[in-house]
Protein backbone atom coordinates (compact mmCIF):
# COMPACT_ATOMS: atom_id res chain seq x y z
CA MET A 1 -8.25 11.12 -6.06
CA HIS A 2 -8.54 8.69 -3.05
CA ARG A 3 -5.26 8.26 -1.13
CA SER A 4 -5.12 4.47 -1.65
CA ALA A 5 -5.25 4.98 -5.25
CA LEU A 6 -2.27 7.37 -5.05
CA LEU A 7 -0.16 4.46 -3.76
CA THR A 8 -1.08 2.16 -6.62
CA ASP A 9 -0.42 4.66 -9.38
CA GLU A 10 3.17 5.39 -9.94
CA SER A 11 2.62 8.25 -12.19
CA ALA A 12 0.34 9.83 -9.38
CA VAL A 13 3.34 9.57 -7.05
CA ARG A 14 5.51 11.34 -9.69
CA GLY A 15 2.90 14.06 -9.89
CA CYS A 16 2.57 14.90 -6.27
CA CYS A 17 6.06 14.10 -4.95
CA GLY A 18 8.27 15.05 -7.88
CA LYS A 19 10.55 12.80 -9.89
CA VAL A 20 10.62 9.36 -8.17
CA GLY A 21 12.52 6.43 -9.68
CA TYR A 22 10.29 3.37 -10.24
CA ASP A 23 12.82 1.28 -8.21
CA LYS A 24 12.41 3.63 -5.24
CA TYR A 25 8.57 3.52 -5.62
CA LEU A 26 8.46 -0.18 -5.66
CA ARG A 27 10.88 -0.49 -2.58
CA PHE A 28 8.42 1.71 -0.58
CA VAL A 29 5.07 0.52 -1.81
CA TRP A 30 5.46 -3.25 -1.93
CA PRO A 31 6.38 -3.65 1.92
CA LEU A 32 3.72 -1.26 2.70
CA LEU A 33 1.01 -3.26 0.86
CA VAL A 34 2.34 -6.51 2.35
CA GLY A 35 2.10 -5.14 5.82
CA LEU A 36 -1.46 -3.98 5.11
CA LEU A 37 -2.33 -7.33 3.80
CA VAL A 38 -0.86 -9.08 6.88
CA VAL A 39 -2.76 -6.79 9.32
CA SER A 40 -5.93 -7.26 7.24
CA LEU A 41 -5.59 -11.09 7.39
CA ALA A 42 -4.81 -11.03 11.09
CA VAL A 43 -8.01 -8.94 11.82
CA ALA A 44 -10.16 -11.28 9.71
CA THR A 45 -8.66 -14.38 11.44
CA ILE A 46 -9.36 -12.92 14.89
CA ALA A 47 -12.83 -11.88 13.83
CA ALA A 48 -13.63 -15.36 12.45
CA THR A 49 -12.15 -17.02 15.68
CA VAL A 50 -14.17 -14.83 18.18
CA GLY A 51 -17.32 -14.36 16.32
């Protein structure tokens, strides 16, 4: 399974990392996804401005 798919599937996290509470999963994954979105938008904005 692709690594990014593991982040979005809470049951996959439980399978590979043991018993993880859903609240701990959300506290880890949502800031990570928001950070990746911010970086992606910044790169797209820079690319649109430059090119």
